[in-house]
Amino acid sequence: MPRIALVTYDSGPEPGKDQDLPLLVRALRDAGAEAVAVPWDAPGADWGGFDLAVIRSTWDYSWRAGEFAAWVERCGTLTRLANPPAVVRWNTDKRYLGDLAAAGVPVVPTRYIAPGEPADLPAHHEYVVKPTSGAGARFAARYTHDEHETAVRQLKRMHAEGFTAMVQPYMRSIDSAGERALQFFGGRLLHASRKGAVLAPGTPYDADKVAHPDLETWEPTAAELDVAERALAAVPGQPELLYARVDLVTGPDGQPCVMELELIEPNLFLWLHPESVPRVVEAVLAAAG
């Protein structure tokens, strides 16, 4: 009977936000595994006692990047970690978009402003500022050229906390076509979803945001599937990935491009796609074996 840790975060007195976690723990147990949910920073957790540790909802990691990176390395030496430590290291910094672009994958054009660098912000089009390490739209906001001073204040706050900022043109297609999330598990397309715009005009960068508004099932187009598969093929070292989520938007040319490649702790939306649970369980059990 394989022992499997589904790695999450400590939500404290509040209920956990991972709707998939109880469902997945129960399904793995029904399939004969000894599955438990364990916060990544749980004191005294015996990671070496598991056959597999699957990072599922470590949604506070970007606030504690150094601690999380150390845990990834330690856990990866004690048991099999999915996804692998090298993948996690690469994917924690969204400068990976540059690697994808260099490999010929269409991505949202992105510039980076590190601490100490001048606030070189667009003057002629709407744009988004967010950190290279973040989740759930934390420290993300969209701006017009006449909101320059507010954007500069955001940069100063992020730089003071040690974050490098990324600046992207706001893809206006999101307001009408949304973002599409293609989920892969065990190397195959699992399912896809579409969500509405996360960043409303005027929403403060430090406000809480709904990360997946108006989520619905989606049938990906051939072009979307092609771009997603090209992005996964461009991951350095071509590692074996247990899971992946490729977030796509429509570019100015009408074609899909990558907004983000989620290889650490993507929400699987199993509550929206219950038919996918057996395939997830099958792939997790195979990885544990």
C-alpha atoms as a PDB file:
ATOM      1  CA  MET A   1       0.000   0.000   0.000  1.00  0.00           C
ATOM      2  CA  PRO A   2       1.819   3.157  -1.162  1.00  0.00           C
ATOM      3  CA  ARG A   3       2.138   6.060   1.276  1.00  0.00           C
ATOM      4  CA  ILE A   4       1.411   9.351  -0.483  1.00  0.00           C
ATOM      5  CA  ALA A   5       1.656  12.883   0.898  1.00  0.00           C
ATOM      6  CA  LEU A   6      -0.449  15.549  -0.755  1.00  0.00           C
ATOM      7  CA  VAL A   7       1.497  18.666   0.163  1.00  0.00           C
ATOM      8  CA  THR A   8      -0.520  21.726   1.103  1.00  0.00           C
ATOM      9  CA  TYR A   9      -0.257  24.820   3.305  1.00  0.00           C
ATOM     10  CA  ASP A  10      -1.239  25.536   6.881  1.00  0.00           C
ATOM     11  CA  SER A  11      -4.399  27.652   6.707  1.00  0.00           C
ATOM     12  CA  GLY A  12      -4.425  28.212  10.467  1.00  0.00           C
ATOM     13  CA  PRO A  13      -7.885  28.635  12.000  1.00  0.00           C
ATOM     14  CA  GLU A  14      -9.427  29.391   8.607  1.00  0.00           C
ATOM     15  CA  PRO A  15     -10.789  26.577   6.395  1.00  0.00           C
ATOM     16  CA  GLY A  16      -8.359  25.503   3.690  1.00  0.00           C
ATOM     17  CA  LYS A  17      -9.056  26.918   0.232  1.00  0.00           C
ATOM     18  CA  ASP A  18      -8.069  23.794  -1.732  1.00  0.00           C
ATOM     19  CA  GLN A  19     -11.446  22.334  -2.708  1.00  0.00           C
ATOM     20  CA  ASP A  20      -9.767  19.437  -4.492  1.00  0.00           C
ATOM     21  CA  LEU A  21      -7.724  18.204  -1.535  1.00  0.00           C
ATOM     22  CA  PRO A  22     -10.411  16.268   0.436  1.00  0.00           C
ATOM     23  CA  LEU A  23     -11.720  14.798  -2.819  1.00  0.00           C
ATOM     24  CA  LEU A  24      -8.274  13.607  -3.899  1.00  0.00           C
ATOM     25  CA  VAL A  25      -7.324  12.201  -0.476  1.00  0.00           C
ATOM     26  CA  ARG A  26     -10.575  10.223  -0.386  1.00  0.00           C
ATOM     27  CA  ALA A  27     -10.195   8.932  -3.949  1.00  0.00           C
ATOM     28  CA  LEU A  28      -6.618   7.757  -3.334  1.00  0.00           C
ATOM     29  CA  ARG A  29      -7.656   5.985  -0.137  1.00  0.00           C
ATOM     30  CA  ASP A  30     -10.544   4.312  -1.954  1.00  0.00           C
ATOM     31  CA  ALA A  31      -7.981   3.079  -4.512  1.00  0.00           C
ATOM     32  CA  GLY A  32      -5.917   1.441  -1.764  1.00  0.00           C
ATOM     33  CA  ALA A  33      -3.278   4.078  -1.025  1.00  0.00           C
ATOM     34  CA  GLU A  34      -2.412   5.535   2.356  1.00  0.00           C
ATOM     35  CA  ALA A  35      -2.893   9.189   1.433  1.00  0.00           C
ATOM     36  CA  VAL A  36      -2.647  12.159   3.784  1.00  0.00           C
ATOM     37  CA  ALA A  37      -2.599  15.933   3.367  1.00  0.00           C
ATOM     38  CA  VAL A  38       0.495  17.473   4.974  1.00  0.00           C
ATOM     39  CA  PRO A  39       1.489  21.170   5.137  1.00  0.00           C
ATOM     40  CA  TRP A  40       4.916  21.640   3.593  1.00  0.00           C
ATOM     41  CA  ASP A  41       6.198  23.309   6.755  1.00  0.00           C
ATOM     42  CA  ALA A  42       4.629  20.846   9.211  1.00  0.00           C
ATOM     43  CA  PRO A  43       7.028  20.423  12.158  1.00  0.00           C
ATOM     44  CA  GLY A  44       8.391  16.909  12.390  1.00  0.00           C
ATOM     45  CA  ALA A  45       6.840  15.657   9.130  1.00  0.00           C
ATOM     46  CA  ASP A  46       8.542  12.395   8.134  1.00  0.00           C
ATOM     47  CA  TRP A  47       8.919  12.999   4.417  1.00  0.00           C
ATOM     48  CA  GLY A  48      11.186   9.992   4.069  1.00  0.00           C
ATOM     49  CA  GLY A  49       8.309   7.803   5.233  1.00  0.00           C
ATOM     50  CA  PHE A  50       6.345   8.518   2.049  1.00  0.00           C
ATOM     51  CA  ASP A  51       6.762   6.805  -1.303  1.00  0.00           C
ATOM     52  CA  LEU A  52       5.707  10.014  -3.053  1.00  0.00           C
ATOM     53  CA  ALA A  53       5.119  13.640  -2.080  1.00  0.00           C
ATOM     54  CA  VAL A  54       2.856  15.514  -4.502  1.00  0.00           C
ATOM     55  CA  ILE A  55       2.920  19.298  -4.209  1.00  0.00           C
ATOM     56  CA  ARG A  56      -0.703  20.314  -4.451  1.00  0.00           C
ATOM     57  CA  SER A  57      -1.591  23.591  -2.715  1.00  0.00           C
ATOM     58  CA  THR A  58       1.466  25.173  -1.110  1.00  0.00           C
ATOM     59  CA  TRP A  59      -0.199  28.497  -1.751  1.00  0.00           C
ATOM     60  CA  ASP A  60       1.847  30.514   0.723  1.00  0.00           C
ATOM     61  CA  TYR A  61       5.199  29.567  -0.808  1.00  0.00           C
ATOM     62  CA  SER A  62       5.845  32.824  -2.642  1.00  0.00           C
ATOM     63  CA  TRP A  63       5.670  34.724   0.645  1.00  0.00           C
ATOM     64  CA  ARG A  64       8.411  32.477   2.025  1.00  0.00           C
ATOM     65  CA  ALA A  65      10.417  31.658  -1.058  1.00  0.00           C
ATOM     66  CA  GLY A  66      13.703  30.929   0.712  1.00  0.00           C
ATOM     67  CA  GLU A  67      12.130  28.567   3.239  1.00  0.00           C
ATOM     68  CA  PHE A  68      10.139  26.812   0.528  1.00  0.00           C
ATOM     69  CA  ALA A  69      13.196  26.367  -1.695  1.00  0.00           C
ATOM     70  CA  ALA A  70      15.074  24.785   1.214  1.00  0.00           C
ATOM     71  CA  TRP A  71      12.142  22.456   1.903  1.00  0.00           C
ATOM     72  CA  VAL A  72      11.994  21.403  -1.768  1.00  0.00           C
ATOM     73  CA  GLU A  73      15.669  20.452  -1.755  1.00  0.00           C
ATOM     74  CA  ARG A  74      15.369  18.578   1.551  1.00  0.00           C
ATOM     75  CA  CYS A  75      12.189  16.750   0.633  1.00  0.00           C
ATOM     76  CA  GLY A  76      13.603  15.831  -2.771  1.00  0.00           C
ATOM     77  CA  THR A  77      16.474  13.981  -1.093  1.00  0.00           C
ATOM     78  CA  LEU A  78      14.166  12.027   1.228  1.00  0.00           C
ATOM     79  CA  THR A  79      11.468  10.855  -1.168  1.00  0.00           C
ATOM     80  CA  ARG A  80      10.243  11.256  -4.721  1.00  0.00           C
ATOM     81  CA  LEU A  81       8.854  14.761  -5.124  1.00  0.00           C
ATOM     82  CA  ALA A  82       6.409  15.724  -7.853  1.00  0.00           C
ATOM     83  CA  ASN A  83       7.093  17.795  -9.629  1.00  0.00           C
ATOM     84  CA  PRO A  84      10.892  17.312  -9.352  1.00  0.00           C
ATOM     85  CA  PRO A  85      13.016  19.862  -7.444  1.00  0.00           C
ATOM     86  CA  ALA A  86      14.744  21.141 -10.592  1.00  0.00           C
ATOM     87  CA  VAL A  87      11.362  21.901 -12.140  1.00  0.00           C
ATOM     88  CA  VAL A  88      10.168  23.669  -9.006  1.00  0.00           C
ATOM     89  CA  ARG A  89      13.337  25.807  -8.863  1.00  0.00           C
ATOM     90  CA  TRP A  90      12.900  26.870 -12.489  1.00  0.00           C
ATOM     91  CA  ASN A  91       9.174  27.537 -12.212  1.00  0.00           C
ATOM     92  CA  THR A  92       9.245  29.650  -9.029  1.00  0.00           C
ATOM     93  CA  ASP A  93      10.589  32.616 -11.005  1.00  0.00           C
ATOM     94  CA  LYS A  94       8.397  33.805 -13.872  1.00  0.00           C
ATOM     95  CA  ARG A  95      11.465  34.855 -15.797  1.00  0.00           C
ATOM     96  CA  TYR A  96      11.015  31.373 -17.229  1.00  0.00           C
ATOM     97  CA  LEU A  97       8.812  33.136 -19.809  1.00  0.00           C
ATOM     98  CA  GLY A  98      12.061  34.328 -21.389  1.00  0.00           C
ATOM     99  CA  ASP A  99      13.211  30.714 -21.720  1.00  0.00           C
ATOM    100  CA  LEU A 100       9.946  29.783 -23.406  1.00  0.00           C
ATOM    101  CA  ALA A 101      10.174  32.730 -25.786  1.00  0.00           C
ATOM    102  CA  ALA A 102      13.759  31.786 -26.666  1.00  0.00           C
ATOM    103  CA  ALA A 103      12.494  28.306 -27.538  1.00  0.00           C
ATOM    104  CA  GLY A 104       9.984  29.793 -29.983  1.00  0.00           C
ATOM    105  CA  VAL A 105       6.896  29.459 -27.772  1.00  0.00           C
ATOM    106  CA  PRO A 106       4.489  32.412 -28.139  1.00  0.00           C
ATOM    107  CA  VAL A 107       4.270  34.193 -24.776  1.00  0.00           C
ATOM    108  CA  VAL A 108       2.862  37.470 -23.497  1.00  0.00           C
ATOM    109  CA  PRO A 109       5.653  40.062 -24.038  1.00  0.00           C
ATOM    110  CA  THR A 110       7.341  40.663 -20.697  1.00  0.00           C
ATOM    111  CA  ARG A 111       9.934  43.057 -19.283  1.00  0.00           C
ATOM    112  CA  TYR A 112      11.496  42.894 -15.836  1.00  0.00           C
ATOM    113  CA  ILE A 113      12.369  45.644 -13.349  1.00  0.00           C
ATOM    114  CA  ALA A 114      14.623  44.494 -10.523  1.00  0.00           C
ATOM    115  CA  PRO A 115      15.191  46.389  -7.265  1.00  0.00           C
ATOM    116  CA  GLY A 116      17.416  49.402  -7.919  1.00  0.00           C
ATOM    117  CA  GLU A 117      16.400  49.714 -11.572  1.00  0.00           C
ATOM    118  CA  PRO A 118      14.417  52.732 -12.846  1.00  0.00           C
ATOM    119  CA  ALA A 119      10.646  52.543 -13.162  1.00  0.00           C
ATOM    120  CA  ASP A 120      10.542  52.211 -16.958  1.00  0.00           C
ATOM    121  CA  LEU A 121       6.795  51.866 -17.450  1.00  0.00           C
ATOM    122  CA  PRO A 122       4.730  52.040 -20.662  1.00  0.00           C
ATOM    123  CA  ALA A 123       3.391  55.431 -21.640  1.00  0.00           C
ATOM    124  CA  HIS A 124       1.072  54.551 -24.518  1.00  0.00           C
ATOM    125  CA  HIS A 125      -0.880  51.443 -23.614  1.00  0.00           C
ATOM    126  CA  GLU A 126      -2.531  49.690 -20.677  1.00  0.00           C
ATOM    127  CA  TYR A 127      -0.230  47.348 -18.797  1.00  0.00           C
ATOM    128  CA  VAL A 128       0.065  44.948 -15.860  1.00  0.00           C
ATOM    129  CA  VAL A 129       2.634  44.998 -13.065  1.00  0.00           C
ATOM    130  CA  LYS A 130       3.148  41.891 -10.928  1.00  0.00           C
ATOM    131  CA  PRO A 131       5.998  40.061  -9.180  1.00  0.00           C
ATOM    132  CA  THR A 132       8.098  37.351 -10.791  1.00  0.00           C
ATOM    133  CA  SER A 133       7.309  35.214  -7.749  1.00  0.00           C
ATOM    134  CA  GLY A 134       3.670  35.220  -6.818  1.00  0.00           C
ATOM    135  CA  ALA A 135       0.375  33.365  -6.843  1.00  0.00           C
ATOM    136  CA  GLY A 136      -3.315  34.187  -6.773  1.00  0.00           C
ATOM    137  CA  ALA A 137      -2.812  37.607  -8.426  1.00  0.00           C
ATOM    138  CA  ARG A 138      -0.919  38.812  -5.336  1.00  0.00           C
ATOM    139  CA  PHE A 139       0.705  42.225  -5.920  1.00  0.00           C
ATOM    140  CA  ALA A 140      -0.802  42.363  -9.429  1.00  0.00           C
ATOM    141  CA  ALA A 141      -2.622  45.336 -10.946  1.00  0.00           C
ATOM    142  CA  ARG A 142      -3.407  46.859 -14.338  1.00  0.00           C
ATOM    143  CA  TYR A 143      -2.720  50.484 -15.172  1.00  0.00           C
ATOM    144  CA  THR A 144      -3.297  53.115 -17.815  1.00  0.00           C
ATOM    145  CA  HIS A 145      -0.656  55.727 -18.651  1.00  0.00           C
ATOM    146  CA  ASP A 146      -2.326  58.313 -16.403  1.00  0.00           C
ATOM    147  CA  GLU A 147      -1.897  56.023 -13.353  1.00  0.00           C
ATOM    148  CA  HIS A 148       1.880  56.171 -13.565  1.00  0.00           C
ATOM    149  CA  GLU A 149       2.429  57.439 -10.033  1.00  0.00           C
ATOM    150  CA  THR A 150       0.322  54.667  -8.536  1.00  0.00           C
ATOM    151  CA  ALA A 151       2.269  52.084 -10.519  1.00  0.00           C
ATOM    152  CA  VAL A 152       5.542  53.598  -9.300  1.00  0.00           C
ATOM    153  CA  ARG A 153       4.355  53.275  -5.709  1.00  0.00           C
ATOM    154  CA  GLN A 154       3.611  49.613  -6.343  1.00  0.00           C
ATOM    155  CA  LEU A 155       7.111  49.100  -7.743  1.00  0.00           C
ATOM    156  CA  LYS A 156       8.662  50.764  -4.693  1.00  0.00           C
ATOM    157  CA  ARG A 157       6.652  48.546  -2.346  1.00  0.00           C
ATOM    158  CA  MET A 158       7.593  45.385  -4.246  1.00  0.00           C
ATOM    159  CA  HIS A 159      11.256  46.345  -4.486  1.00  0.00           C
ATOM    160  CA  ALA A 160      11.348  47.136  -0.765  1.00  0.00           C
ATOM    161  CA  GLU A 161      10.176  43.572  -0.124  1.00  0.00           C
ATOM    162  CA  GLY A 162      12.807  42.160  -2.466  1.00  0.00           C
ATOM    163  CA  PHE A 163      10.570  41.338  -5.432  1.00  0.00           C
ATOM    164  CA  THR A 164      11.502  41.807  -9.072  1.00  0.00           C
ATOM    165  CA  ALA A 165       8.581  43.210 -11.054  1.00  0.00           C
ATOM    166  CA  MET A 166       7.383  42.018 -14.413  1.00  0.00           C
ATOM    167  CA  VAL A 167       5.606  44.400 -16.783  1.00  0.00           C
ATOM    168  CA  GLN A 168       3.306  43.123 -19.507  1.00  0.00           C
ATOM    169  CA  PRO A 169       0.852  44.762 -21.896  1.00  0.00           C
ATOM    170  CA  TYR A 170      -2.689  44.161 -20.711  1.00  0.00           C
ATOM    171  CA  MET A 171      -4.158  41.651 -23.133  1.00  0.00           C
ATOM    172  CA  ARG A 172      -7.548  43.186 -23.801  1.00  0.00           C
ATOM    173  CA  SER A 173      -8.858  39.907 -25.214  1.00  0.00           C
ATOM    174  CA  ILE A 174      -9.101  38.696 -21.606  1.00  0.00           C
ATOM    175  CA  ASP A 175     -12.086  40.998 -21.059  1.00  0.00           C
ATOM    176  CA  SER A 176     -14.066  39.164 -23.741  1.00  0.00           C
ATOM    177  CA  ALA A 177     -12.458  35.731 -24.209  1.00  0.00           C
ATOM    178  CA  GLY A 178     -11.038  35.192 -20.725  1.00  0.00           C
ATOM    179  CA  GLU A 179      -8.028  33.018 -19.886  1.00  0.00           C
ATOM    180  CA  ARG A 180      -7.924  29.329 -20.774  1.00  0.00           C
ATOM    181  CA  ALA A 181      -6.229  26.827 -18.487  1.00  0.00           C
ATOM    182  CA  LEU A 182      -5.169  23.524 -20.041  1.00  0.00           C
ATOM    183  CA  GLN A 183      -4.400  20.914 -17.392  1.00  0.00           C
ATOM    184  CA  PHE A 184      -2.106  17.966 -18.031  1.00  0.00           C
ATOM    185  CA  PHE A 185      -1.642  14.934 -15.797  1.00  0.00           C
ATOM    186  CA  GLY A 186       0.607  11.957 -16.417  1.00  0.00           C
ATOM    187  CA  GLY A 187       1.784  13.522 -19.661  1.00  0.00           C
ATOM    188  CA  ARG A 188      -1.667  13.825 -21.241  1.00  0.00           C
ATOM    189  CA  LEU A 189      -4.305  16.530 -21.474  1.00  0.00           C
ATOM    190  CA  LEU A 190      -6.624  16.062 -18.515  1.00  0.00           C
ATOM    191  CA  HIS A 191      -9.199  18.813 -19.042  1.00  0.00           C
ATOM    192  CA  ALA A 192      -9.459  22.543 -19.698  1.00  0.00           C
ATOM    193  CA  SER A 193     -11.232  25.482 -18.109  1.00  0.00           C
ATOM    194  CA  ARG A 194     -11.875  29.136 -18.852  1.00  0.00           C
ATOM    195  CA  LYS A 195     -12.071  32.005 -16.390  1.00  0.00           C
ATOM    196  CA  GLY A 196     -12.952  35.660 -16.619  1.00  0.00           C
ATOM    197  CA  ALA A 197     -10.734  38.696 -16.099  1.00  0.00           C
ATOM    198  CA  VAL A 198      -9.018  38.785 -12.702  1.00  0.00           C
ATOM    199  CA  LEU A 199      -7.724  42.362 -12.783  1.00  0.00           C
ATOM    200  CA  ALA A 200     -10.475  44.965 -12.861  1.00  0.00           C
ATOM    201  CA  PRO A 201      -9.488  48.569 -13.637  1.00  0.00           C
ATOM    202  CA  GLY A 202      -8.676  50.533 -10.507  1.00  0.00           C
ATOM    203  CA  THR A 203      -8.326  47.501  -8.205  1.00  0.00           C
ATOM    204  CA  PRO A 204      -5.421  48.180  -5.805  1.00  0.00           C
ATOM    205  CA  TYR A 205      -2.432  45.911  -6.224  1.00  0.00           C
ATOM    206  CA  ASP A 206      -2.550  44.887  -2.565  1.00  0.00           C
ATOM    207  CA  ALA A 207      -6.272  44.088  -2.545  1.00  0.00           C
ATOM    208  CA  ASP A 208      -7.487  40.506  -2.240  1.00  0.00           C
ATOM    209  CA  LYS A 209      -8.623  39.221  -5.621  1.00  0.00           C
ATOM    210  CA  VAL A 210     -10.698  36.308  -6.856  1.00  0.00           C
ATOM    211  CA  ALA A 211      -8.082  34.212  -8.620  1.00  0.00           C
ATOM    212  CA  HIS A 212     -10.490  32.229 -10.827  1.00  0.00           C
ATOM    213  CA  PRO A 213     -13.666  34.246 -11.483  1.00  0.00           C
ATOM    214  CA  ASP A 214     -16.524  32.821 -13.537  1.00  0.00           C
ATOM    215  CA  LEU A 215     -14.747  29.488 -14.012  1.00  0.00           C
ATOM    216  CA  GLU A 216     -16.315  27.133 -16.534  1.00  0.00           C
ATOM    217  CA  THR A 217     -15.362  24.033 -18.487  1.00  0.00           C
ATOM    218  CA  TRP A 218     -13.667  24.604 -21.825  1.00  0.00           C
ATOM    219  CA  GLU A 219     -12.916  22.567 -24.952  1.00  0.00           C
ATOM    220  CA  PRO A 220      -9.448  23.663 -26.117  1.00  0.00           C
ATOM    221  CA  THR A 221      -8.881  24.462 -29.746  1.00  0.00           C
ATOM    222  CA  ALA A 222      -6.207  22.719 -31.796  1.00  0.00           C
ATOM    223  CA  ALA A 223      -4.130  25.913 -31.721  1.00  0.00           C
ATOM    224  CA  GLU A 224      -4.382  26.143 -27.915  1.00  0.00           C
ATOM    225  CA  LEU A 225      -3.360  22.519 -27.484  1.00  0.00           C
ATOM    226  CA  ASP A 226      -0.414  23.014 -29.836  1.00  0.00           C
ATOM    227  CA  VAL A 227       0.919  26.026 -27.927  1.00  0.00           C
ATOM    228  CA  ALA A 228       0.460  24.268 -24.585  1.00  0.00           C
ATOM    229  CA  GLU A 229       2.352  21.192 -25.755  1.00  0.00           C
ATOM    230  CA  ARG A 230       5.146  23.363 -27.179  1.00  0.00           C
ATOM    231  CA  ALA A 231       5.460  25.132 -23.825  1.00  0.00           C
ATOM    232  CA  LEU A 232       5.746  21.838 -21.948  1.00  0.00           C
ATOM    233  CA  ALA A 233       8.308  20.532 -24.434  1.00  0.00           C
ATOM    234  CA  ALA A 234      10.438  23.639 -23.787  1.00  0.00           C
ATOM    235  CA  VAL A 235      10.846  22.997 -20.033  1.00  0.00           C
ATOM    236  CA  PRO A 236      14.627  22.674 -19.515  1.00  0.00           C
ATOM    237  CA  GLY A 237      15.827  19.097 -19.403  1.00  0.00           C
ATOM    238  CA  GLN A 238      12.476  17.795 -20.658  1.00  0.00           C
ATOM    239  CA  PRO A 239      11.678  16.323 -17.214  1.00  0.00           C
ATOM    240  CA  GLU A 240       8.897  13.899 -16.479  1.00  0.00           C
ATOM    241  CA  LEU A 241       6.028  16.039 -15.194  1.00  0.00           C
ATOM    242  CA  LEU A 242       3.271  14.506 -13.111  1.00  0.00           C
ATOM    243  CA  TYR A 243       1.073  17.574 -13.584  1.00  0.00           C
ATOM    244  CA  ALA A 244       1.078  20.917 -15.381  1.00  0.00           C
ATOM    245  CA  ARG A 245      -1.266  23.768 -16.140  1.00  0.00           C
ATOM    246  CA  VAL A 246      -0.729  26.044 -19.123  1.00  0.00           C
ATOM    247  CA  ASP A 247      -2.578  29.365 -18.916  1.00  0.00           C
ATOM    248  CA  LEU A 248      -3.286  30.891 -22.319  1.00  0.00           C
ATOM    249  CA  VAL A 249      -4.717  34.158 -23.599  1.00  0.00           C
ATOM    250  CA  THR A 250      -5.414  35.431 -27.095  1.00  0.00           C
ATOM    251  CA  GLY A 251      -2.684  37.700 -28.440  1.00  0.00           C
ATOM    252  CA  PRO A 252      -3.114  40.733 -30.722  1.00  0.00           C
ATOM    253  CA  ASP A 253      -2.683  38.431 -33.726  1.00  0.00           C
ATOM    254  CA  GLY A 254      -5.683  36.380 -32.664  1.00  0.00           C
ATOM    255  CA  GLN A 255      -3.532  33.378 -31.741  1.00  0.00           C
ATOM    256  CA  PRO A 256      -3.053  31.823 -28.286  1.00  0.00           C
ATOM    257  CA  CYS A 257       0.016  32.705 -26.243  1.00  0.00           C
ATOM    258  CA  VAL A 258       1.265  31.629 -22.832  1.00  0.00           C
ATOM    259  CA  MET A 259       0.435  33.821 -19.849  1.00  0.00           C
ATOM    260  CA  GLU A 260       1.847  31.430 -17.245  1.00  0.00           C
ATOM    261  CA  LEU A 261       3.125  27.869 -17.009  1.00  0.00           C
ATOM    262  CA  GLU A 262       2.117  26.413 -13.636  1.00  0.00           C
ATOM    263  CA  LEU A 263       4.306  23.463 -12.629  1.00  0.00           C
ATOM    264  CA  ILE A 264       4.368  23.813  -8.837  1.00  0.00           C
ATOM    265  CA  GLU A 265       0.941  24.029  -7.202  1.00  0.00           C
ATOM    266  CA  PRO A 266      -1.735  24.664  -9.836  1.00  0.00           C
ATOM    267  CA  ASN A 267      -5.352  24.356  -8.823  1.00  0.00           C
ATOM    268  CA  LEU A 268      -6.656  21.282 -10.665  1.00  0.00           C
ATOM    269  CA  PHE A 269     -10.352  22.298 -10.547  1.00  0.00           C
ATOM    270  CA  LEU A 270     -11.378  18.678  -9.962  1.00  0.00           C
ATOM    271  CA  TRP A 271     -14.608  19.931  -8.403  1.00  0.00           C
ATOM    272  CA  LEU A 272     -15.455  21.325 -11.858  1.00  0.00           C
ATOM    273  CA  HIS A 273     -14.222  18.205 -13.682  1.00  0.00           C
ATOM    274  CA  PRO A 274     -15.142  15.219 -11.460  1.00  0.00           C
ATOM    275  CA  GLU A 275     -14.767  12.881 -14.431  1.00  0.00           C
ATOM    276  CA  SER A 276     -11.001  13.540 -14.277  1.00  0.00           C
ATOM    277  CA  VAL A 277     -10.521  12.160 -10.757  1.00  0.00           C
ATOM    278  CA  PRO A 278      -9.920   8.503 -11.805  1.00  0.00           C
ATOM    279  CA  ARG A 279      -7.191   9.537 -14.231  1.00  0.00           C
ATOM    280  CA  VAL A 280      -5.490  11.678 -11.591  1.00  0.00           C
ATOM    281  CA  VAL A 281      -5.584   8.818  -9.109  1.00  0.00           C
ATOM    282  CA  GLU A 282      -4.191   6.396 -11.707  1.00  0.00           C
ATOM    283  CA  ALA A 283      -1.292   8.728 -12.522  1.00  0.00           C
ATOM    284  CA  VAL A 284      -0.460   9.423  -8.869  1.00  0.00           C
ATOM    285  CA  LEU A 285      -0.455   5.706  -8.016  1.00  0.00           C
ATOM    286  CA  ALA A 286       1.790   4.985 -11.014  1.00  0.00           C
ATOM    287  CA  ALA A 287       4.215   7.696  -9.883  1.00  0.00           C
ATOM    288  CA  ALA A 288       4.239   6.265  -6.350  1.00  0.00           C
ATOM    289  CA  GLY A 289       5.111   2.828  -7.673  1.00  0.00           C
END
